[in-house]
């Protein structure tokens, strides 16, 4: 059996400040948002395919803490085509278990010193 990453998303509604945590697949994103707002109101965050040390799924926008208590957030590096953390490193299946999700950019910006 081939080892492949499950493709799913969560969405932050910029207008209502609500995070939709359902495991969205992107077959038809317009069906997802019916009744929740306009598609332009959402910020989509993709699942990295990795889990933190507590077994929580890591998504783009998550804020992680490593074993040294350094804090950073997850983003997609388009140039190198990889998920990584600002200031920390590339996320891989071997190092993801060293991190703990402590929040995300939209619900907890104060964790990165932002308001």
N, C-alpha and C. Protein backbone atom coordinates (compact mmCIF):
# COMPACT_ATOMS: atom_id res chain seq x y z
N UNK A 1 0.84 -1.19 0.00
CA UNK A 1 0.00 0.00 0.00
C UNK A 1 0.88 1.24 0.00
N UNK A 2 0.52 2.20 -0.78
CA UNK A 2 1.27 3.44 -0.92
C UNK A 2 1.06 4.33 0.31
N UNK A 3 2.13 4.95 0.78
CA UNK A 3 2.05 5.88 1.92
C UNK A 3 1.75 7.27 1.38
N UNK A 4 0.54 7.76 1.58
CA UNK A 4 0.18 9.07 1.05
C UNK A 4 -0.46 9.92 2.14
N UNK A 5 -0.34 11.21 1.96
CA UNK A 5 -0.87 12.16 2.93
C UNK A 5 -2.33 12.44 2.62
N UNK A 6 -3.13 12.45 3.66
CA UNK A 6 -4.55 12.78 3.50
C UNK A 6 -4.67 14.27 3.24
N UNK A 7 -5.39 14.66 2.19
CA UNK A 7 -5.58 16.06 1.84
C UNK A 7 -6.86 16.54 2.49
N UNK A 8 -6.72 17.46 3.45
CA UNK A 8 -7.90 18.06 4.07
C UNK A 8 -7.55 19.45 4.56
N UNK A 9 -8.57 20.22 4.85
CA UNK A 9 -8.42 21.62 5.18
C UNK A 9 -9.28 22.00 6.38
N UNK A 10 -8.93 23.11 6.99
CA UNK A 10 -9.81 23.81 7.91
C UNK A 10 -9.90 25.24 7.37
N UNK A 11 -10.86 26.00 7.87
CA UNK A 11 -11.07 27.34 7.32
C UNK A 11 -11.35 28.35 8.43
N UNK A 12 -10.76 29.53 8.32
CA UNK A 12 -10.98 30.66 9.23
C UNK A 12 -11.84 31.67 8.50
N UNK A 13 -12.99 32.01 9.09
CA UNK A 13 -13.86 33.02 8.49
C UNK A 13 -13.41 34.39 9.00
N UNK A 14 -12.88 35.21 8.10
CA UNK A 14 -12.35 36.53 8.46
C UNK A 14 -13.44 37.48 8.92
N UNK A 15 -14.66 37.28 8.45
CA UNK A 15 -15.75 38.17 8.78
C UNK A 15 -16.35 37.88 10.16
N UNK A 16 -16.45 36.60 10.50
CA UNK A 16 -17.10 36.22 11.76
C UNK A 16 -16.11 35.78 12.84
N UNK A 17 -14.81 35.66 12.45
CA UNK A 17 -13.76 35.17 13.37
C UNK A 17 -14.11 33.81 13.95
N UNK A 18 -14.52 32.91 13.07
CA UNK A 18 -14.86 31.55 13.47
C UNK A 18 -13.97 30.57 12.70
N UNK A 19 -13.41 29.57 13.41
CA UNK A 19 -12.62 28.53 12.77
C UNK A 19 -13.52 27.33 12.53
N UNK A 20 -13.54 26.86 11.30
CA UNK A 20 -14.28 25.66 10.93
C UNK A 20 -13.28 24.51 10.89
N UNK A 21 -13.40 23.61 11.84
CA UNK A 21 -12.42 22.56 12.05
C UNK A 21 -12.73 21.28 11.32
N UNK A 22 -13.83 21.22 10.62
CA UNK A 22 -14.17 20.00 9.90
C UNK A 22 -13.07 19.66 8.92
N UNK A 23 -12.92 18.40 8.65
CA UNK A 23 -11.92 17.93 7.70
C UNK A 23 -12.44 18.14 6.28
N UNK A 24 -12.29 19.35 5.79
CA UNK A 24 -12.80 19.68 4.46
C UNK A 24 -11.95 18.99 3.39
N UNK A 25 -12.60 18.40 2.42
CA UNK A 25 -11.85 18.00 1.24
C UNK A 25 -12.20 19.02 0.17
N UNK A 26 -11.38 19.12 -0.81
CA UNK A 26 -11.55 20.22 -1.76
C UNK A 26 -12.19 19.78 -3.07
N UNK A 27 -13.06 18.78 -3.03
CA UNK A 27 -13.75 18.37 -4.24
C UNK A 27 -14.60 19.52 -4.75
N UNK A 28 -15.34 20.17 -3.84
CA UNK A 28 -16.14 21.32 -4.21
C UNK A 28 -16.18 22.28 -3.02
N UNK A 29 -15.21 23.20 -2.92
CA UNK A 29 -15.18 24.10 -1.76
C UNK A 29 -16.40 25.01 -1.65
N UNK A 30 -17.10 25.27 -2.75
CA UNK A 30 -18.26 26.14 -2.69
C UNK A 30 -19.40 25.50 -1.91
N UNK A 31 -19.50 24.17 -1.96
CA UNK A 31 -20.52 23.49 -1.17
C UNK A 31 -20.26 23.63 0.32
N UNK A 32 -19.00 23.68 0.69
CA UNK A 32 -18.61 23.77 2.09
C UNK A 32 -19.12 25.05 2.73
N UNK A 33 -19.04 26.16 2.01
CA UNK A 33 -19.30 27.45 2.62
C UNK A 33 -20.73 27.93 2.47
N UNK A 34 -21.57 27.15 1.80
CA UNK A 34 -22.97 27.56 1.70
C UNK A 34 -23.53 27.72 3.11
N UNK A 35 -24.07 28.86 3.40
CA UNK A 35 -24.63 29.13 4.71
C UNK A 35 -23.61 29.67 5.70
N UNK A 36 -22.34 29.68 5.33
CA UNK A 36 -21.30 30.16 6.24
C UNK A 36 -20.67 31.47 5.78
N UNK A 37 -20.93 31.90 4.56
CA UNK A 37 -20.36 33.14 4.06
C UNK A 37 -19.83 32.98 2.66
N UNK A 38 -19.24 34.04 2.14
CA UNK A 38 -18.67 34.06 0.81
C UNK A 38 -17.28 33.42 0.85
N UNK A 39 -16.89 32.74 -0.21
CA UNK A 39 -15.59 32.05 -0.22
C UNK A 39 -14.43 33.02 0.02
N UNK A 40 -14.61 34.29 -0.37
CA UNK A 40 -13.56 35.30 -0.15
C UNK A 40 -13.40 35.64 1.32
N UNK A 41 -14.35 35.26 2.15
CA UNK A 41 -14.28 35.54 3.59
C UNK A 41 -13.41 34.53 4.34
N UNK A 42 -12.94 33.48 3.64
CA UNK A 42 -12.23 32.40 4.32
C UNK A 42 -10.74 32.39 4.03
N UNK A 43 -9.99 31.99 5.04
CA UNK A 43 -8.58 31.67 4.88
C UNK A 43 -8.49 30.16 5.03
N UNK A 44 -7.98 29.49 4.00
CA UNK A 44 -7.92 28.03 3.99
C UNK A 44 -6.56 27.58 4.48
N UNK A 45 -6.55 26.59 5.36
CA UNK A 45 -5.31 26.04 5.90
C UNK A 45 -5.28 24.55 5.66
N UNK A 46 -4.20 24.09 5.03
CA UNK A 46 -4.10 22.69 4.68
C UNK A 46 -3.44 21.87 5.79
N UNK A 47 -3.91 20.66 5.94
CA UNK A 47 -3.33 19.69 6.87
C UNK A 47 -1.95 19.28 6.35
N UNK A 48 -0.95 19.27 7.21
CA UNK A 48 0.42 18.92 6.79
C UNK A 48 0.62 17.42 6.61
N UNK A 49 -0.30 16.63 7.13
CA UNK A 49 -0.12 15.18 7.12
C UNK A 49 0.63 14.69 8.34
N UNK A 50 0.95 15.60 9.26
CA UNK A 50 1.73 15.28 10.44
C UNK A 50 0.94 15.55 11.71
N UNK A 51 1.35 14.89 12.79
CA UNK A 51 0.73 15.11 14.10
C UNK A 51 1.80 15.51 15.09
N UNK A 52 1.38 16.32 16.08
CA UNK A 52 2.32 16.76 17.12
C UNK A 52 2.51 15.66 18.17
N UNK A 53 3.26 15.97 19.21
CA UNK A 53 3.57 14.96 20.23
C UNK A 53 2.35 14.47 20.99
N UNK A 54 1.24 15.22 20.92
CA UNK A 54 -0.01 14.82 21.58
C UNK A 54 -0.99 14.15 20.62
N UNK A 55 -0.57 13.93 19.38
CA UNK A 55 -1.43 13.29 18.40
C UNK A 55 -2.38 14.22 17.68
N UNK A 56 -2.23 15.55 17.87
CA UNK A 56 -3.09 16.53 17.19
C UNK A 56 -2.58 16.79 15.78
N UNK A 57 -3.49 16.88 14.83
CA UNK A 57 -3.13 17.16 13.44
C UNK A 57 -2.56 18.57 13.32
N UNK A 58 -1.44 18.70 12.59
CA UNK A 58 -0.79 19.99 12.39
C UNK A 58 -1.25 20.57 11.06
N UNK A 59 -1.79 21.80 11.12
CA UNK A 59 -2.25 22.53 9.93
C UNK A 59 -1.40 23.78 9.72
N UNK A 60 -1.43 24.30 8.49
CA UNK A 60 -0.85 25.62 8.25
C UNK A 60 -1.47 26.59 9.25
N UNK A 61 -0.67 27.54 9.73
CA UNK A 61 -1.20 28.53 10.66
C UNK A 61 -1.13 28.11 12.11
N UNK A 62 -0.83 26.83 12.38
CA UNK A 62 -0.70 26.41 13.77
C UNK A 62 0.56 27.01 14.39
N UNK A 63 0.47 27.28 15.67
CA UNK A 63 1.61 27.78 16.43
C UNK A 63 2.14 26.61 17.25
N UNK A 64 3.44 26.35 17.09
CA UNK A 64 4.07 25.21 17.73
C UNK A 64 5.10 25.66 18.74
N UNK A 65 5.29 24.82 19.75
CA UNK A 65 6.36 25.01 20.72
C UNK A 65 7.23 23.76 20.66
N UNK A 66 8.56 23.95 20.62
CA UNK A 66 9.43 22.78 20.58
C UNK A 66 9.92 22.43 21.98
N UNK A 67 10.75 21.42 22.08
CA UNK A 67 11.23 20.94 23.39
C UNK A 67 12.06 21.98 24.13
N UNK A 68 12.59 23.00 23.41
CA UNK A 68 13.36 24.09 24.04
C UNK A 68 12.49 25.28 24.38
N UNK A 69 11.17 25.14 24.22
CA UNK A 69 10.19 26.22 24.44
C UNK A 69 10.29 27.35 23.42
N UNK A 70 10.90 27.08 22.27
CA UNK A 70 10.87 28.06 21.17
C UNK A 70 9.51 27.96 20.50
N UNK A 71 8.97 29.10 20.09
CA UNK A 71 7.63 29.16 19.50
C UNK A 71 7.74 29.66 18.06
N UNK A 72 6.99 29.03 17.18
CA UNK A 72 6.96 29.43 15.78
C UNK A 72 5.64 28.96 15.18
N UNK A 73 5.37 29.41 13.94
CA UNK A 73 4.14 28.99 13.28
C UNK A 73 4.45 28.26 11.97
N UNK A 74 3.48 27.46 11.55
CA UNK A 74 3.62 26.60 10.37
C UNK A 74 3.15 27.36 9.13
N UNK A 75 3.94 27.25 8.07
CA UNK A 75 3.53 27.83 6.78
C UNK A 75 4.02 26.94 5.65
N UNK A 76 3.50 27.20 4.46
CA UNK A 76 3.89 26.47 3.26
C UNK A 76 4.94 27.31 2.55
N UNK A 77 6.10 26.72 2.29
CA UNK A 77 7.17 27.38 1.54
C UNK A 77 6.99 27.02 0.07
N UNK A 78 6.48 27.95 -0.72
CA UNK A 78 6.20 27.67 -2.13
C UNK A 78 7.47 27.40 -2.93
N UNK A 79 8.55 28.08 -2.60
CA UNK A 79 9.80 27.93 -3.35
C UNK A 79 10.34 26.51 -3.22
N UNK A 80 10.38 25.98 -2.00
CA UNK A 80 10.91 24.64 -1.76
C UNK A 80 9.83 23.57 -1.68
N UNK A 81 8.56 23.95 -1.82
CA UNK A 81 7.43 23.03 -1.78
C UNK A 81 7.47 22.14 -0.55
N UNK A 82 7.39 22.80 0.63
CA UNK A 82 7.40 22.05 1.88
C UNK A 82 6.72 22.85 2.98
N UNK A 83 6.21 22.15 3.97
CA UNK A 83 5.71 22.80 5.18
C UNK A 83 6.90 23.02 6.10
N UNK A 84 6.95 24.19 6.70
CA UNK A 84 8.02 24.48 7.64
C UNK A 84 7.54 25.46 8.68
N UNK A 85 8.38 25.69 9.67
CA UNK A 85 8.06 26.67 10.70
C UNK A 85 8.98 27.86 10.51
N UNK A 86 8.47 29.05 10.75
CA UNK A 86 9.32 30.22 10.76
C UNK A 86 10.26 30.06 11.93
N UNK A 87 11.53 30.29 11.73
CA UNK A 87 12.55 30.28 12.78
C UNK A 87 12.95 28.89 13.26
N UNK A 88 12.18 27.85 12.97
CA UNK A 88 12.56 26.54 13.48
C UNK A 88 13.12 25.68 12.36
N UNK A 89 12.31 24.95 11.63
CA UNK A 89 12.84 24.07 10.60
C UNK A 89 11.73 23.47 9.77
N UNK A 90 12.15 22.68 8.78
CA UNK A 90 11.20 21.94 7.96
C UNK A 90 10.48 20.92 8.83
N UNK A 91 9.18 20.76 8.61
CA UNK A 91 8.41 19.75 9.33
C UNK A 91 8.50 18.42 8.60
N UNK A 92 8.88 17.39 9.31
CA UNK A 92 8.95 16.05 8.75
C UNK A 92 8.30 15.07 9.71
N UNK A 93 8.07 13.87 9.22
CA UNK A 93 7.46 12.86 10.09
C UNK A 93 8.38 12.51 11.26
N UNK A 94 9.68 12.67 11.09
CA UNK A 94 10.60 12.34 12.18
C UNK A 94 10.70 13.44 13.23
N UNK A 95 10.49 14.70 12.86
CA UNK A 95 10.62 15.76 13.88
C UNK A 95 9.28 16.32 14.38
N UNK A 96 8.18 15.99 13.74
CA UNK A 96 6.89 16.55 14.16
C UNK A 96 6.55 16.19 15.60
N UNK A 97 6.99 15.04 16.06
CA UNK A 97 6.69 14.60 17.42
C UNK A 97 7.46 15.39 18.47
N UNK A 98 8.37 16.25 18.04
CA UNK A 98 9.10 17.13 18.98
C UNK A 98 8.32 18.40 19.28
N UNK A 99 7.23 18.62 18.56
CA UNK A 99 6.46 19.85 18.69
C UNK A 99 5.13 19.62 19.39
N UNK A 100 4.62 20.72 19.97
CA UNK A 100 3.29 20.71 20.56
C UNK A 100 2.53 21.90 20.00
N UNK A 101 1.31 21.67 19.52
CA UNK A 101 0.45 22.77 19.05
C UNK A 101 -0.05 23.51 20.27
N UNK A 102 0.18 24.82 20.30
CA UNK A 102 -0.29 25.63 21.43
C UNK A 102 -1.35 26.65 21.00
N UNK A 103 -1.67 26.70 19.72
CA UNK A 103 -2.68 27.63 19.22
C UNK A 103 -2.55 27.77 17.72
N UNK A 104 -3.15 28.84 17.18
CA UNK A 104 -3.02 29.14 15.76
C UNK A 104 -3.01 30.65 15.56
N UNK A 105 -2.57 31.06 14.36
CA UNK A 105 -2.39 32.48 14.05
C UNK A 105 -3.64 33.32 14.20
N UNK A 106 -4.80 32.72 13.99
CA UNK A 106 -6.03 33.49 13.91
C UNK A 106 -6.75 33.60 15.25
N UNK A 107 -6.70 32.55 16.04
CA UNK A 107 -7.37 32.56 17.34
C UNK A 107 -6.43 32.98 18.48
N UNK A 108 -5.11 32.86 18.25
CA UNK A 108 -4.14 33.11 19.32
C UNK A 108 -2.93 33.92 18.84
N UNK A 109 -3.12 35.05 18.14
CA UNK A 109 -1.95 35.79 17.62
C UNK A 109 -1.03 36.29 18.72
N UNK A 110 -1.55 36.46 19.93
CA UNK A 110 -0.74 36.94 21.05
C UNK A 110 0.40 35.98 21.38
N UNK A 111 0.27 34.71 21.01
CA UNK A 111 1.34 33.74 21.29
C UNK A 111 2.61 34.05 20.50
N UNK A 112 2.45 34.81 19.41
CA UNK A 112 3.60 35.23 18.62
C UNK A 112 3.93 36.71 18.85
N UNK A 113 3.32 37.28 19.88
CA UNK A 113 3.56 38.69 20.17
C UNK A 113 2.80 39.62 19.26
N UNK A 114 1.75 39.11 18.62
CA UNK A 114 0.92 39.92 17.71
C UNK A 114 -0.45 40.11 18.31
N UNK A 115 -1.12 41.15 17.89
CA UNK A 115 -2.50 41.41 18.35
C UNK A 115 -3.46 41.28 17.20
